[in-house]
Amino acid sequence: CCRGTSIVSFESEGAAQTMVDMIRARPTVDDSVTIDTIEIG
């Protein structure tokens, strides 16, 4: 009810890292969702 997981695939580690960097740089718009962990594998 209160937890979610996303898995997003990219062609390369660099493309995945770019997305992570964008997510971390985004200002918090509201507190509707809190990121607990974000990893690349």
All heavy atoms as atom14 arrays in JSON, in Angstrom:
{
  "sequence": "CCRGTSIVSFESEGAAQTMVDMIRARPTVDDSVTIDTIEIG",
  "atom14_mask": [
    [1, 1, 1, 1, 1, 1, 0, 0, 0, 0, 0, 0, 0, 0],
    [1, 1, 1, 1, 1, 1, 0, 0, 0, 0, 0, 0, 0, 0],
    [1, 1, 1, 1, 1, 1, 1, 1, 1, 1, 1, 0, 0, 0],
    [1, 1, 1, 1, 0, 0, 0, 0, 0, 0, 0, 0, 0, 0],
    [1, 1, 1, 1, 1, 1, 1, 0, 0, 0, 0, 0, 0, 0],
    [1, 1, 1, 1, 1, 1, 0, 0, 0, 0, 0, 0, 0, 0],
    [1, 1, 1, 1, 1, 1, 1, 1, 0, 0, 0, 0, 0, 0],
    [1, 1, 1, 1, 1, 1, 1, 0, 0, 0, 0, 0, 0, 0],
    [1, 1, 1, 1, 1, 1, 0, 0, 0, 0, 0, 0, 0, 0],
    [1, 1, 1, 1, 1, 1, 1, 1, 1, 1, 1, 0, 0, 0],
    [1, 1, 1, 1, 1, 1, 1, 1, 1, 0, 0, 0, 0, 0],
    [1, 1, 1, 1, 1, 1, 0, 0, 0, 0, 0, 0, 0, 0],
    [1, 1, 1, 1, 1, 1, 1, 1, 1, 0, 0, 0, 0, 0],
    [1, 1, 1, 1, 0, 0, 0, 0, 0, 0, 0, 0, 0, 0],
    [1, 1, 1, 1, 1, 0, 0, 0, 0, 0, 0, 0, 0, 0],
    [1, 1, 1, 1, 1, 0, 0, 0, 0, 0, 0, 0, 0, 0],
    [1, 1, 1, 1, 1, 1, 1, 1, 1, 0, 0, 0, 0, 0],
    [1, 1, 1, 1, 1, 1, 1, 0, 0, 0, 0, 0, 0, 0],
    [1, 1, 1, 1, 1, 1, 1, 1, 0, 0, 0, 0, 0, 0],
    [1, 1, 1, 1, 1, 1, 1, 0, 0, 0, 0, 0, 0, 0],
    [1, 1, 1, 1, 1, 1, 1, 1, 0, 0, 0, 0, 0, 0],
    [1, 1, 1, 1, 1, 1, 1, 1, 0, 0, 0, 0, 0, 0],
    [1, 1, 1, 1, 1, 1, 1, 1, 0, 0, 0, 0, 0, 0],
    [1, 1, 1, 1, 1, 1, 1, 1, 1, 1, 1, 0, 0, 0],
    [1, 1, 1, 1, 1, 0, 0, 0, 0, 0, 0, 0, 0, 0],
    [1, 1, 1, 1, 1, 1, 1, 1, 1, 1, 1, 0, 0, 0],
    [1, 1, 1, 1, 1, 1, 1, 0, 0, 0, 0, 0, 0, 0],
    [1, 1, 1, 1, 1, 1, 1, 0, 0, 0, 0, 0, 0, 0],
    [1, 1, 1, 1, 1, 1, 1, 0, 0, 0, 0, 0, 0, 0],
    [1, 1, 1, 1, 1, 1, 1, 1, 0, 0, 0, 0, 0, 0],
    [1, 1, 1, 1, 1, 1, 1, 1, 0, 0, 0, 0, 0, 0],
    [1, 1, 1, 1, 1, 1, 0, 0, 0, 0, 0, 0, 0, 0],
    [1, 1, 1, 1, 1, 1, 1, 0, 0, 0, 0, 0, 0, 0],
    [1, 1, 1, 1, 1, 1, 1, 0, 0, 0, 0, 0, 0, 0],
    [1, 1, 1, 1, 1, 1, 1, 1, 0, 0, 0, 0, 0, 0],
    [1, 1, 1, 1, 1, 1, 1, 1, 0, 0, 0, 0, 0, 0],
    [1, 1, 1, 1, 1, 1, 1, 0, 0, 0, 0, 0, 0, 0],
    [1, 1, 1, 1, 1, 1, 1, 1, 0, 0, 0, 0, 0, 0],
    [1, 1, 1, 1, 1, 1, 1, 1, 1, 0, 0, 0, 0, 0],
    [1, 1, 1, 1, 1, 1, 1, 1, 0, 0, 0, 0, 0, 0],
    [1, 1, 1, 1, 0, 0, 0, 0, 0, 0, 0, 0, 0, 0]
  ],
  "atom14_positions": [
    [[0.81, -1.22, 0.0], [0.0, 0.0, 0.0], [0.84, 1.27, 0.0], [0.4, 2.3, -0.47], [-0.94, 0.01, 1.19], [-0.11, 0.23, 2.77], [0.0, 0.0, 0.0], [0.0, 0.0, 0.0], [0.0, 0.0, 0.0], [0.0, 0.0, 0.0], [0.0, 0.0, 0.0], [0.0, 0.0, 0.0], [0.0, 0.0, 0.0], [0.0, 0.0, 0.0]],
    [[2.04, 1.21, 0.48], [2.84, 2.43, 0.61], [4.25, 2.3, 0.05], [5.11, 3.14, 0.34], [2.94, 2.83, 2.08], [1.33, 3.12, 2.83], [0.0, 0.0, 0.0], [0.0, 0.0, 0.0], [0.0, 0.0, 0.0], [0.0, 0.0, 0.0], [0.0, 0.0, 0.0], [0.0, 0.0, 0.0], [0.0, 0.0, 0.0], [0.0, 0.0, 0.0]],
    [[4.52, 1.28, -0.73], [5.86, 1.09, -1.29], [5.78, 0.77, -2.77], [4.84, 0.13, -3.22], [6.59, -0.05, -0.58], [6.93, 0.24, 0.86], [7.69, -0.89, 1.55], [7.3, -2.19, 1.02], [8.16, -3.13, 0.61], [9.44, -2.94, 0.67], [7.74, -4.27, 0.14], [0.0, 0.0, 0.0], [0.0, 0.0, 0.0], [0.0, 0.0, 0.0]],
    [[6.79, 1.22, -3.49], [6.84, 0.93, -4.92], [8.28, 0.69, -5.35], [9.22, 1.11, -4.69], [0.0, 0.0, 0.0], [0.0, 0.0, 0.0], [0.0, 0.0, 0.0], [0.0, 0.0, 0.0], [0.0, 0.0, 0.0], [0.0, 0.0, 0.0], [0.0, 0.0, 0.0], [0.0, 0.0, 0.0], [0.0, 0.0, 0.0], [0.0, 0.0, 0.0]],
    [[8.42, -0.01, -6.47], [9.73, -0.29, -7.05], [9.64, -0.06, -8.55], [8.64, -0.4, -9.17], [10.15, -1.75, -6.79], [10.25, -1.96, -5.38], [11.47, -2.08, -7.43], [0.0, 0.0, 0.0], [0.0, 0.0, 0.0], [0.0, 0.0, 0.0], [0.0, 0.0, 0.0], [0.0, 0.0, 0.0], [0.0, 0.0, 0.0], [0.0, 0.0, 0.0]],
    [[10.67, 0.54, -9.11], [10.73, 0.66, -10.56], [12.03, 0.07, -11.06], [13.06, 0.11, -10.38], [10.61, 2.12, -11.01], [11.75, 2.85, -10.62], [0.0, 0.0, 0.0], [0.0, 0.0, 0.0], [0.0, 0.0, 0.0], [0.0, 0.0, 0.0], [0.0, 0.0, 0.0], [0.0, 0.0, 0.0], [0.0, 0.0, 0.0], [0.0, 0.0, 0.0]],
    [[11.96, -0.52, -12.24], [13.12, -1.05, -12.93], [13.08, -0.48, -14.34], [12.13, -0.7, -15.08], [13.1, -2.59, -12.97], [13.07, -3.15, -11.55], [14.3, -3.12, -13.76], [12.81, -4.64, -11.49], [0.0, 0.0, 0.0], [0.0, 0.0, 0.0], [0.0, 0.0, 0.0], [0.0, 0.0, 0.0], [0.0, 0.0, 0.0], [0.0, 0.0, 0.0]],
    [[14.11, 0.3, -14.67], [14.18, 0.95, -15.97], [15.49, 0.55, -16.62], [16.56, 0.76, -16.04], [14.09, 2.48, -15.83], [14.11, 3.14, -17.19], [12.82, 2.87, -15.06], [0.0, 0.0, 0.0], [0.0, 0.0, 0.0], [0.0, 0.0, 0.0], [0.0, 0.0, 0.0], [0.0, 0.0, 0.0], [0.0, 0.0, 0.0], [0.0, 0.0, 0.0]],
    [[15.41, -0.05, -17.81], [16.62, -0.52, -18.48], [17.09, 0.47, -19.54], [16.29, 1.15, -20.18], [16.39, -1.9, -19.09], [15.33, -1.87, -20.01], [0.0, 0.0, 0.0], [0.0, 0.0, 0.0], [0.0, 0.0, 0.0], [0.0, 0.0, 0.0], [0.0, 0.0, 0.0], [0.0, 0.0, 0.0], [0.0, 0.0, 0.0], [0.0, 0.0, 0.0]],
    [[18.41, 0.52, -19.68], [19.08, 1.41, -20.62], [20.12, 0.63, -21.41], [20.62, -0.39, -20.95], [19.75, 2.57, -19.88], [18.78, 3.52, -19.24], [18.32, 3.31, -17.95], [18.29, 4.6, -19.95], [17.42, 4.17, -17.36], [17.38, 5.48, -19.38], [16.94, 5.27, -18.08], [0.0, 0.0, 0.0], [0.0, 0.0, 0.0], [0.0, 0.0, 0.0]],
    [[20.48, 1.16, -22.57], [21.45, 0.49, -23.44], [22.84, 0.4, -22.83], [23.6, -0.5, -23.16], [21.54, 1.23, -24.77], [20.27, 1.14, -25.59], [20.31, 2.02, -26.83], [21.26, 2.81, -26.99], [19.37, 1.91, -27.63], [0.0, 0.0, 0.0], [0.0, 0.0, 0.0], [0.0, 0.0, 0.0], [0.0, 0.0, 0.0], [0.0, 0.0, 0.0]],
    [[23.17, 1.34, -21.92], [24.53, 1.36, -21.37], [24.51, 1.83, -19.92], [23.54, 2.43, -19.46], [25.42, 2.31, -22.18], [24.99, 3.65, -22.0], [0.0, 0.0, 0.0], [0.0, 0.0, 0.0], [0.0, 0.0, 0.0], [0.0, 0.0, 0.0], [0.0, 0.0, 0.0], [0.0, 0.0, 0.0], [0.0, 0.0, 0.0], [0.0, 0.0, 0.0]],
    [[25.61, 1.57, -19.25], [25.77, 2.04, -17.87], [25.78, 3.57, -17.84], [25.24, 4.19, -16.93], [27.05, 1.48, -17.26], [27.24, 1.85, -15.81], [28.45, 1.2, -15.19], [29.29, 0.61, -15.91], [28.57, 1.27, -13.95], [0.0, 0.0, 0.0], [0.0, 0.0, 0.0], [0.0, 0.0, 0.0], [0.0, 0.0, 0.0], [0.0, 0.0, 0.0]],
    [[26.4, 4.18, -18.85], [26.45, 5.64, -18.92], [25.08, 6.26, -19.02], [24.78, 7.27, -18.36], [0.0, 0.0, 0.0], [0.0, 0.0, 0.0], [0.0, 0.0, 0.0], [0.0, 0.0, 0.0], [0.0, 0.0, 0.0], [0.0, 0.0, 0.0], [0.0, 0.0, 0.0], [0.0, 0.0, 0.0], [0.0, 0.0, 0.0], [0.0, 0.0, 0.0]],
    [[24.22, 5.68, -19.84], [22.85, 6.19, -19.98], [22.08, 6.02, -18.67], [21.32, 6.92, -18.27], [22.13, 5.48, -21.12], [0.0, 0.0, 0.0], [0.0, 0.0, 0.0], [0.0, 0.0, 0.0], [0.0, 0.0, 0.0], [0.0, 0.0, 0.0], [0.0, 0.0, 0.0], [0.0, 0.0, 0.0], [0.0, 0.0, 0.0], [0.0, 0.0, 0.0]],
    [[22.28, 4.89, -18.0], [21.63, 4.66, -16.7], [22.13, 5.68, -15.68], [21.34, 6.24, -14.91], [21.9, 3.24, -16.23], [0.0, 0.0, 0.0], [0.0, 0.0, 0.0], [0.0, 0.0, 0.0], [0.0, 0.0, 0.0], [0.0, 0.0, 0.0], [0.0, 0.0, 0.0], [0.0, 0.0, 0.0], [0.0, 0.0, 0.0], [0.0, 0.0, 0.0]],
    [[23.43, 5.94, -15.67], [24.0, 6.9, -14.72], [23.48, 8.31, -14.98], [23.2, 9.05, -14.04], [25.53, 6.89, -14.79], [26.18, 7.77, -13.73], [25.86, 7.3, -12.32], [26.11, 6.16, -11.96], [25.3, 8.19, -11.51], [0.0, 0.0, 0.0], [0.0, 0.0, 0.0], [0.0, 0.0, 0.0], [0.0, 0.0, 0.0], [0.0, 0.0, 0.0]],
    [[23.32, 8.66, -16.24], [22.76, 9.97, -16.57], [21.37, 10.12, -15.98], [21.01, 11.18, -15.43], [22.73, 10.17, -18.1], [24.08, 10.13, -18.58], [22.07, 11.47, -18.49], [0.0, 0.0, 0.0], [0.0, 0.0, 0.0], [0.0, 0.0, 0.0], [0.0, 0.0, 0.0], [0.0, 0.0, 0.0], [0.0, 0.0, 0.0], [0.0, 0.0, 0.0]],
    [[20.55, 9.07, -16.07], [19.2, 9.12, -15.5], [19.25, 9.26, -13.99], [18.52, 10.06, -13.4], [18.39, 7.89, -15.91], [16.97, 7.91, -15.38], [16.01, 9.42, -15.71], [16.02, 9.45, -17.48], [0.0, 0.0, 0.0], [0.0, 0.0, 0.0], [0.0, 0.0, 0.0], [0.0, 0.0, 0.0], [0.0, 0.0, 0.0], [0.0, 0.0, 0.0]],
    [[20.12, 8.5, -13.34], [20.25, 8.61, -11.88], [20.66, 10.02, -11.48], [20.11, 10.6, -10.54], [21.25, 7.55, -11.33], [21.59, 7.84, -9.88], [20.67, 6.16, -11.47], [0.0, 0.0, 0.0], [0.0, 0.0, 0.0], [0.0, 0.0, 0.0], [0.0, 0.0, 0.0], [0.0, 0.0, 0.0], [0.0, 0.0, 0.0], [0.0, 0.0, 0.0]],
    [[21.61, 10.58, -12.2], [22.05, 11.95, -11.91], [20.9, 12.94, -12.06], [20.75, 13.86, -11.24], [23.21, 12.34, -12.82], [24.48, 11.54, -12.55], [24.58, 10.89, -11.48], [25.36, 11.53, -13.44], [0.0, 0.0, 0.0], [0.0, 0.0, 0.0], [0.0, 0.0, 0.0], [0.0, 0.0, 0.0], [0.0, 0.0, 0.0], [0.0, 0.0, 0.0]],
    [[20.07, 12.76, -13.09], [18.92, 13.64, -13.3], [17.91, 13.51, -12.16], [17.37, 14.51, -11.68], [18.25, 13.34, -14.63], [19.02, 13.8, -15.84], [18.27, 13.31, -17.42], [16.62, 13.97, -17.25], [0.0, 0.0, 0.0], [0.0, 0.0, 0.0], [0.0, 0.0, 0.0], [0.0, 0.0, 0.0], [0.0, 0.0, 0.0], [0.0, 0.0, 0.0]],
    [[17.67, 12.27, -11.72], [16.73, 12.05, -10.63], [17.23, 12.71, -9.35], [16.48, 13.38, -8.64], [16.5, 10.54, -10.41], [15.74, 9.95, -11.61], [15.75, 10.29, -9.1], [15.73, 8.43, -11.64], [0.0, 0.0, 0.0], [0.0, 0.0, 0.0], [0.0, 0.0, 0.0], [0.0, 0.0, 0.0], [0.0, 0.0, 0.0], [0.0, 0.0, 0.0]],
    [[18.49, 12.53, -9.05], [19.06, 13.1, -7.82], [19.11, 14.63, -7.86], [19.05, 15.28, -6.83], [20.45, 12.53, -7.58], [20.4, 11.08, -7.14], [21.76, 10.54, -6.81], [21.63, 9.19, -6.25], [22.53, 8.25, -6.39], [23.66, 8.49, -7.04], [22.34, 7.06, -5.86], [0.0, 0.0, 0.0], [0.0, 0.0, 0.0], [0.0, 0.0, 0.0]],
    [[19.23, 15.21, -9.05], [19.32, 16.66, -9.18], [17.96, 17.35, -9.18], [17.89, 18.56, -8.98], [20.07, 17.02, -10.47], [0.0, 0.0, 0.0], [0.0, 0.0, 0.0], [0.0, 0.0, 0.0], [0.0, 0.0, 0.0], [0.0, 0.0, 0.0], [0.0, 0.0, 0.0], [0.0, 0.0, 0.0], [0.0, 0.0, 0.0], [0.0, 0.0, 0.0]],
    [[16.89, 16.58, -9.39], [15.55, 17.17, -9.44], [15.17, 17.76, -8.1], [15.31, 17.1, -7.08], [14.5, 16.11, -9.77], [14.32, 15.83, -11.22], [13.23, 14.82, -11.39], [11.94, 15.47, -11.24], [10.93, 15.31, -12.07], [11.05, 14.49, -13.08], [9.82, 15.94, -11.9], [0.0, 0.0, 0.0], [0.0, 0.0, 0.0], [0.0, 0.0, 0.0]],
    [[14.67, 18.97, -8.1], [14.17, 19.52, -6.84], [12.9, 18.77, -6.41], [12.16, 18.27, -7.26], [13.86, 20.97, -7.18], [13.68, 21.0, -8.66], [14.52, 19.87, -9.21], [0.0, 0.0, 0.0], [0.0, 0.0, 0.0], [0.0, 0.0, 0.0], [0.0, 0.0, 0.0], [0.0, 0.0, 0.0], [0.0, 0.0, 0.0], [0.0, 0.0, 0.0]],
    [[12.68, 18.68, -5.13], [11.48, 18.02, -4.62], [10.29, 18.93, -4.88], [10.22, 20.05, -4.39], [11.62, 17.74, -3.11], [12.77, 16.94, -2.91], [10.4, 17.03, -2.58], [0.0, 0.0, 0.0], [0.0, 0.0, 0.0], [0.0, 0.0, 0.0], [0.0, 0.0, 0.0], [0.0, 0.0, 0.0], [0.0, 0.0, 0.0], [0.0, 0.0, 0.0]],
    [[9.36, 18.44, -5.7], [8.17, 19.22, -6.04], [7.14, 19.13, -4.93], [6.5, 20.1, -4.56], [7.57, 18.72, -7.38], [6.27, 19.42, -7.69], [8.57, 18.89, -8.49], [0.0, 0.0, 0.0], [0.0, 0.0, 0.0], [0.0, 0.0, 0.0], [0.0, 0.0, 0.0], [0.0, 0.0, 0.0], [0.0, 0.0, 0.0], [0.0, 0.0, 0.0]],
    [[6.98, 17.95, -4.39], [6.06, 17.72, -3.28], [6.56, 16.49, -2.53], [7.57, 15.91, -2.88], [4.62, 17.53, -3.78], [4.49, 16.38, -4.75], [5.07, 15.29, -4.51], [3.8, 16.53, -5.77], [0.0, 0.0, 0.0], [0.0, 0.0, 0.0], [0.0, 0.0, 0.0], [0.0, 0.0, 0.0], [0.0, 0.0, 0.0], [0.0, 0.0, 0.0]],
    [[5.86, 16.12, -1.48], [6.31, 14.97, -0.7], [5.43, 13.75, -0.94], [5.31, 12.89, -0.08], [6.38, 15.32, 0.79], [5.03, 15.74, 1.36], [4.06, 15.87, 0.59], [4.95, 15.94, 2.58], [0.0, 0.0, 0.0], [0.0, 0.0, 0.0], [0.0, 0.0, 0.0], [0.0, 0.0, 0.0], [0.0, 0.0, 0.0], [0.0, 0.0, 0.0]],
    [[4.84, 13.65, -2.14], [3.95, 12.52, -2.44], [4.7, 11.19, -2.5], [4.15, 10.15, -2.17], [3.18, 12.76, -3.74], [4.08, 12.89, -4.83], [0.0, 0.0, 0.0], [0.0, 0.0, 0.0], [0.0, 0.0, 0.0], [0.0, 0.0, 0.0], [0.0, 0.0, 0.0], [0.0, 0.0, 0.0], [0.0, 0.0, 0.0], [0.0, 0.0, 0.0]],
    [[5.97, 11.24, -2.92], [6.79, 10.04, -3.01], [8.19, 10.37, -2.49], [8.75, 11.41, -2.84], [6.88, 9.53, -4.46], [7.84, 8.35, -4.58], [5.5, 9.14, -4.98], [0.0, 0.0, 0.0], [0.0, 0.0, 0.0], [0.0, 0.0, 0.0], [0.0, 0.0, 0.0], [0.0, 0.0, 0.0], [0.0, 0.0, 0.0], [0.0, 0.0, 0.0]],
    [[8.74, 9.48, -1.67], [10.09, 9.63, -1.15], [10.96, 8.53, -1.74], [10.6, 7.35, -1.66], [10.1, 9.51, 0.39], [9.21, 10.49, 0.92], [11.5, 9.72, 0.94], [0.0, 0.0, 0.0], [0.0, 0.0, 0.0], [0.0, 0.0, 0.0], [0.0, 0.0, 0.0], [0.0, 0.0, 0.0], [0.0, 0.0, 0.0], [0.0, 0.0, 0.0]],
    [[12.08, 8.9, -2.35], [13.01, 7.89, -2.87], [13.79, 7.31, -1.7], [14.47, 8.04, -0.97], [13.96, 8.49, -3.91], [13.16, 8.95, -5.14], [15.03, 7.47, -4.31], [13.99, 9.67, -6.18], [0.0, 0.0, 0.0], [0.0, 0.0, 0.0], [0.0, 0.0, 0.0], [0.0, 0.0, 0.0], [0.0, 0.0, 0.0], [0.0, 0.0, 0.0]],
    [[13.7, 6.0, -1.52], [14.42, 5.32, -0.45], [15.8, 4.86, -0.93], [16.8, 5.09, -0.26], [13.62, 4.11, 0.05], [12.28, 4.53, 0.62], [12.2, 5.59, 1.27], [11.3, 3.79, 0.41], [0.0, 0.0, 0.0], [0.0, 0.0, 0.0], [0.0, 0.0, 0.0], [0.0, 0.0, 0.0], [0.0, 0.0, 0.0], [0.0, 0.0, 0.0]],
    [[15.85, 4.2, -2.09], [17.11, 3.75, -2.66], [17.05, 3.88, -4.17], [15.98, 3.77, -4.78], [17.43, 2.28, -2.31], [16.42, 1.43, -2.86], [17.54, 2.06, -0.82], [0.0, 0.0, 0.0], [0.0, 0.0, 0.0], [0.0, 0.0, 0.0], [0.0, 0.0, 0.0], [0.0, 0.0, 0.0], [0.0, 0.0, 0.0], [0.0, 0.0, 0.0]],
    [[18.22, 4.08, -4.76], [18.33, 4.1, -6.22], [19.69, 3.54, -6.57], [20.7, 3.96, -6.04], [18.1, 5.52, -6.8], [18.06, 5.48, -8.32], [19.11, 6.52, -6.27], [17.52, 6.74, -8.96], [0.0, 0.0, 0.0], [0.0, 0.0, 0.0], [0.0, 0.0, 0.0], [0.0, 0.0, 0.0], [0.0, 0.0, 0.0], [0.0, 0.0, 0.0]],
    [[19.69, 2.5, -7.41], [20.92, 1.79, -7.74], [20.95, 1.47, -9.23], [19.92, 1.35, -9.87], [21.01, 0.47, -6.97], [20.99, 0.63, -5.46], [20.98, -0.72, -4.77], [19.94, -1.41, -4.84], [22.0, -1.07, -4.18], [0.0, 0.0, 0.0], [0.0, 0.0, 0.0], [0.0, 0.0, 0.0], [0.0, 0.0, 0.0], [0.0, 0.0, 0.0]],
    [[22.17, 1.27, -9.72], [22.37, 0.83, -11.1], [22.99, -0.56, -11.05], [23.9, -0.82, -10.25], [23.33, 1.76, -11.86], [22.72, 3.17, -11.96], [23.66, 1.21, -13.24], [23.68, 4.18, -12.52], [0.0, 0.0, 0.0], [0.0, 0.0, 0.0], [0.0, 0.0, 0.0], [0.0, 0.0, 0.0], [0.0, 0.0, 0.0], [0.0, 0.0, 0.0]],
    [[22.48, -1.44, -11.9], [23.04, -2.79, -11.98], [23.08, -3.28, -13.41], [22.3, -2.83, -14.25], [0.0, 0.0, 0.0], [0.0, 0.0, 0.0], [0.0, 0.0, 0.0], [0.0, 0.0, 0.0], [0.0, 0.0, 0.0], [0.0, 0.0, 0.0], [0.0, 0.0, 0.0], [0.0, 0.0, 0.0], [0.0, 0.0, 0.0], [0.0, 0.0, 0.0]]
  ]
}
